[in-house]
Amino acid sequence: MAIESSTYRDLTRGTSARLGTLRAGAPDVMKSVADLGRFAMADGALDKKTKELIALALGVAARCDACIGYHMQALVKLGVSRQELDETLGVAVYMGGGPSLMYAANAIAAFEEFSGAGAFQGKAD
């Protein structure tokens, strides 16, 4: 899915609104998906940040801007560093090739937006 709006905040808000409509029409399915996400992302042998980095890499490889937006927003809240982000995107590009490289660039734009960084300073503050 190509980015539909000018910002990742707008994209995630719009997607959330549309998912709210789906939640009203298919509440059991949407509750099941929400439960799956909550259980899959809970701390365990892997911490939440590691799991969010995996989810981001999969979003890049799957070419899903909404996924990039949601997971980047979570990662910034979890204090992701530029080095963690760069290494994760490197693996995503390695596994997904050229198309993933283009979405890795989108992930950087999402990081800059959610972290407030106009240019990377080495960490998300």
C-alpha atoms as a PDB file:
ATOM      1  CA  MET A   1       0.000   0.000   0.000  1.00  0.00           C
ATOM      2  CA  ALA A   2       1.453   3.357  -0.957  1.00  0.00           C
ATOM      3  CA  ILE A   3       1.332   6.191   1.538  1.00  0.00           C
ATOM      4  CA  GLU A   4      -2.053   7.892   1.185  1.00  0.00           C
ATOM      5  CA  SER A   5      -1.421  11.103   3.066  1.00  0.00           C
ATOM      6  CA  SER A   6       1.183  13.711   3.683  1.00  0.00           C
ATOM      7  CA  THR A   7       2.179  12.434   7.127  1.00  0.00           C
ATOM      8  CA  TYR A   8       2.407   9.137   8.946  1.00  0.00           C
ATOM      9  CA  ARG A   9       0.270  10.618  11.730  1.00  0.00           C
ATOM     10  CA  ASP A  10      -2.486  11.288   9.191  1.00  0.00           C
ATOM     11  CA  LEU A  11      -2.049   7.836   7.684  1.00  0.00           C
ATOM     12  CA  THR A  12      -2.309   6.019  11.017  1.00  0.00           C
ATOM     13  CA  ARG A  13      -5.261   8.151  12.163  1.00  0.00           C
ATOM     14  CA  GLY A  14      -7.132   7.539   8.905  1.00  0.00           C
ATOM     15  CA  THR A  15      -6.409   3.825   9.012  1.00  0.00           C
ATOM     16  CA  SER A  16      -7.561   3.639  12.635  1.00  0.00           C
ATOM     17  CA  ALA A  17     -10.822   5.353  11.706  1.00  0.00           C
ATOM     18  CA  ARG A  18     -11.447   2.907   8.862  1.00  0.00           C
ATOM     19  CA  LEU A  19     -10.595  -0.012  11.130  1.00  0.00           C
ATOM     20  CA  GLY A  20     -13.167   1.334  13.599  1.00  0.00           C
ATOM     21  CA  THR A  21     -15.792   0.908  10.903  1.00  0.00           C
ATOM     22  CA  LEU A  22     -14.649  -2.653  10.310  1.00  0.00           C
ATOM     23  CA  ARG A  23     -14.662  -3.278  14.074  1.00  0.00           C
ATOM     24  CA  ALA A  24     -18.348  -2.304  14.141  1.00  0.00           C
ATOM     25  CA  GLY A  25     -19.147  -4.685  11.288  1.00  0.00           C
ATOM     26  CA  ALA A  26     -16.999  -7.632  12.386  1.00  0.00           C
ATOM     27  CA  PRO A  27     -16.421  -7.210  16.121  1.00  0.00           C
ATOM     28  CA  ASP A  28     -15.463 -10.828  16.876  1.00  0.00           C
ATOM     29  CA  VAL A  29     -12.864 -10.928  14.114  1.00  0.00           C
ATOM     30  CA  MET A  30     -11.380  -7.600  15.122  1.00  0.00           C
ATOM     31  CA  LYS A  31     -11.275  -8.605  18.805  1.00  0.00           C
ATOM     32  CA  SER A  32      -9.472 -11.801  17.822  1.00  0.00           C
ATOM     33  CA  VAL A  33      -6.888  -9.839  15.816  1.00  0.00           C
ATOM     34  CA  ALA A  34      -6.410  -7.403  18.711  1.00  0.00           C
ATOM     35  CA  ASP A  35      -5.947 -10.300  21.144  1.00  0.00           C
ATOM     36  CA  LEU A  36      -3.429 -11.952  18.811  1.00  0.00           C
ATOM     37  CA  GLY A  37      -1.442  -8.726  18.610  1.00  0.00           C
ATOM     38  CA  ARG A  38      -1.496  -8.199  22.371  1.00  0.00           C
ATOM     39  CA  PHE A  39      -0.299 -11.754  23.060  1.00  0.00           C
ATOM     40  CA  ALA A  40       2.309 -11.761  20.270  1.00  0.00           C
ATOM     41  CA  MET A  41       3.815  -8.432  21.326  1.00  0.00           C
ATOM     42  CA  ALA A  42       3.908  -9.089  25.090  1.00  0.00           C
ATOM     43  CA  ASP A  43       7.293  -9.272  26.772  1.00  0.00           C
ATOM     44  CA  GLY A  44       8.674 -12.785  26.885  1.00  0.00           C
ATOM     45  CA  ALA A  45      12.008 -14.212  25.763  1.00  0.00           C
ATOM     46  CA  LEU A  46      12.016 -11.216  23.390  1.00  0.00           C
ATOM     47  CA  ASP A  47      11.219  -7.772  24.743  1.00  0.00           C
ATOM     48  CA  LYS A  48       8.620  -5.439  23.222  1.00  0.00           C
ATOM     49  CA  LYS A  49      11.199  -3.322  21.400  1.00  0.00           C
ATOM     50  CA  THR A  50      12.716  -6.360  19.700  1.00  0.00           C
ATOM     51  CA  LYS A  51       9.277  -7.551  18.666  1.00  0.00           C
ATOM     52  CA  GLU A  52       8.400  -4.097  17.305  1.00  0.00           C
ATOM     53  CA  LEU A  53      11.662  -4.066  15.311  1.00  0.00           C
ATOM     54  CA  ILE A  54      10.692  -7.427  13.803  1.00  0.00           C
ATOM     55  CA  ALA A  55       7.223  -6.088  12.994  1.00  0.00           C
ATOM     56  CA  LEU A  56       8.760  -2.992  11.373  1.00  0.00           C
ATOM     57  CA  ALA A  57      11.046  -5.151   9.220  1.00  0.00           C
ATOM     58  CA  LEU A  58       8.068  -7.232   8.115  1.00  0.00           C
ATOM     59  CA  GLY A  59       6.086  -4.069   7.339  1.00  0.00           C
ATOM     60  CA  VAL A  60       8.964  -2.801   5.181  1.00  0.00           C
ATOM     61  CA  ALA A  61       9.280  -6.148   3.386  1.00  0.00           C
ATOM     62  CA  ALA A  62       5.502  -6.343   2.886  1.00  0.00           C
ATOM     63  CA  ARG A  63       5.465  -2.736   1.578  1.00  0.00           C
ATOM     64  CA  CYS A  64       2.845  -1.598   4.088  1.00  0.00           C
ATOM     65  CA  ASP A  65       3.095   2.079   4.971  1.00  0.00           C
ATOM     66  CA  ALA A  66       0.362   1.833   7.614  1.00  0.00           C
ATOM     67  CA  CYS A  67       2.321  -0.995   9.273  1.00  0.00           C
ATOM     68  CA  ILE A  68       5.468   1.137   9.140  1.00  0.00           C
ATOM     69  CA  GLY A  69       3.578   4.018  10.750  1.00  0.00           C
ATOM     70  CA  TYR A  70       2.074   2.017  13.601  1.00  0.00           C
ATOM     71  CA  HIS A  71       5.246   0.123  14.450  1.00  0.00           C
ATOM     72  CA  MET A  72       7.507   3.167  14.140  1.00  0.00           C
ATOM     73  CA  GLN A  73       5.246   5.115  16.445  1.00  0.00           C
ATOM     74  CA  ALA A  74       5.528   2.293  19.007  1.00  0.00           C
ATOM     75  CA  LEU A  75       9.301   2.069  18.531  1.00  0.00           C
ATOM     76  CA  VAL A  76       9.822   5.789  19.120  1.00  0.00           C
ATOM     77  CA  LYS A  77       7.811   5.479  22.364  1.00  0.00           C
ATOM     78  CA  LEU A  78      10.030   2.527  23.324  1.00  0.00           C
ATOM     79  CA  GLY A  79      13.171   4.630  22.745  1.00  0.00           C
ATOM     80  CA  VAL A  80      14.517   3.028  19.565  1.00  0.00           C
ATOM     81  CA  SER A  81      17.972   4.288  18.629  1.00  0.00           C
ATOM     82  CA  ARG A  82      19.126   5.202  15.157  1.00  0.00           C
ATOM     83  CA  GLN A  83      21.578   2.276  15.244  1.00  0.00           C
ATOM     84  CA  GLU A  84      18.802  -0.199  16.119  1.00  0.00           C
ATOM     85  CA  LEU A  85      16.663   1.241  13.338  1.00  0.00           C
ATOM     86  CA  ASP A  86      19.482   1.179  10.777  1.00  0.00           C
ATOM     87  CA  GLU A  87      20.372  -2.433  11.539  1.00  0.00           C
ATOM     88  CA  THR A  88      16.744  -3.544  11.379  1.00  0.00           C
ATOM     89  CA  LEU A  89      16.209  -1.780   8.054  1.00  0.00           C
ATOM     90  CA  GLY A  90      19.432  -3.311   6.749  1.00  0.00           C
ATOM     91  CA  VAL A  91      18.084  -6.795   7.428  1.00  0.00           C
ATOM     92  CA  ALA A  92      14.732  -5.895   5.857  1.00  0.00           C
ATOM     93  CA  VAL A  93      16.483  -4.680   2.690  1.00  0.00           C
ATOM     94  CA  TYR A  94      18.722  -7.755   2.642  1.00  0.00           C
ATOM     95  CA  MET A  95      15.671 -10.012   2.746  1.00  0.00           C
ATOM     96  CA  GLY A  96      13.374  -7.914   0.543  1.00  0.00           C
ATOM     97  CA  GLY A  97      15.666  -6.366  -2.062  1.00  0.00           C
ATOM     98  CA  GLY A  98      15.113  -3.133  -3.934  1.00  0.00           C
ATOM     99  CA  PRO A  99      11.414  -2.668  -3.116  1.00  0.00           C
ATOM    100  CA  SER A 100      12.205  -2.987   0.586  1.00  0.00           C
ATOM    101  CA  LEU A 101      14.893  -0.342   0.177  1.00  0.00           C
ATOM    102  CA  MET A 102      12.235   2.122  -0.986  1.00  0.00           C
ATOM    103  CA  TYR A 103      10.034   1.327   2.021  1.00  0.00           C
ATOM    104  CA  ALA A 104      13.045   1.527   4.341  1.00  0.00           C
ATOM    105  CA  ALA A 105      13.301   5.147   3.192  1.00  0.00           C
ATOM    106  CA  ASN A 106       9.634   5.564   4.152  1.00  0.00           C
ATOM    107  CA  ALA A 107      10.428   4.092   7.570  1.00  0.00           C
ATOM    108  CA  ILE A 108      13.114   6.727   8.048  1.00  0.00           C
ATOM    109  CA  ALA A 109      10.561   9.429   7.207  1.00  0.00           C
ATOM    110  CA  ALA A 110       8.186   7.932   9.801  1.00  0.00           C
ATOM    111  CA  PHE A 111      10.982   7.873  12.389  1.00  0.00           C
ATOM    112  CA  GLU A 112      11.803  11.507  11.727  1.00  0.00           C
ATOM    113  CA  GLU A 113       8.144  12.474  12.006  1.00  0.00           C
ATOM    114  CA  PHE A 114       7.345  10.573  15.211  1.00  0.00           C
ATOM    115  CA  SER A 115      10.633  11.380  16.935  1.00  0.00           C
ATOM    116  CA  GLY A 116      10.654  15.015  15.897  1.00  0.00           C
ATOM    117  CA  ALA A 117      14.096  14.591  14.312  1.00  0.00           C
ATOM    118  CA  GLY A 118      14.548  16.592  11.124  1.00  0.00           C
ATOM    119  CA  ALA A 119      17.891  14.890  10.616  1.00  0.00           C
ATOM    120  CA  PHE A 120      19.194  11.943  12.567  1.00  0.00           C
ATOM    121  CA  GLN A 121      21.358  12.734  15.534  1.00  0.00           C
ATOM    122  CA  GLY A 122      22.058   9.084  16.383  1.00  0.00           C
ATOM    123  CA  LYS A 123      19.080   8.541  18.679  1.00  0.00           C
ATOM    124  CA  ALA A 124      15.373   9.214  19.020  1.00  0.00           C
ATOM    125  CA  ASP A 125      14.852  11.943  21.605  1.00  0.00           C
END
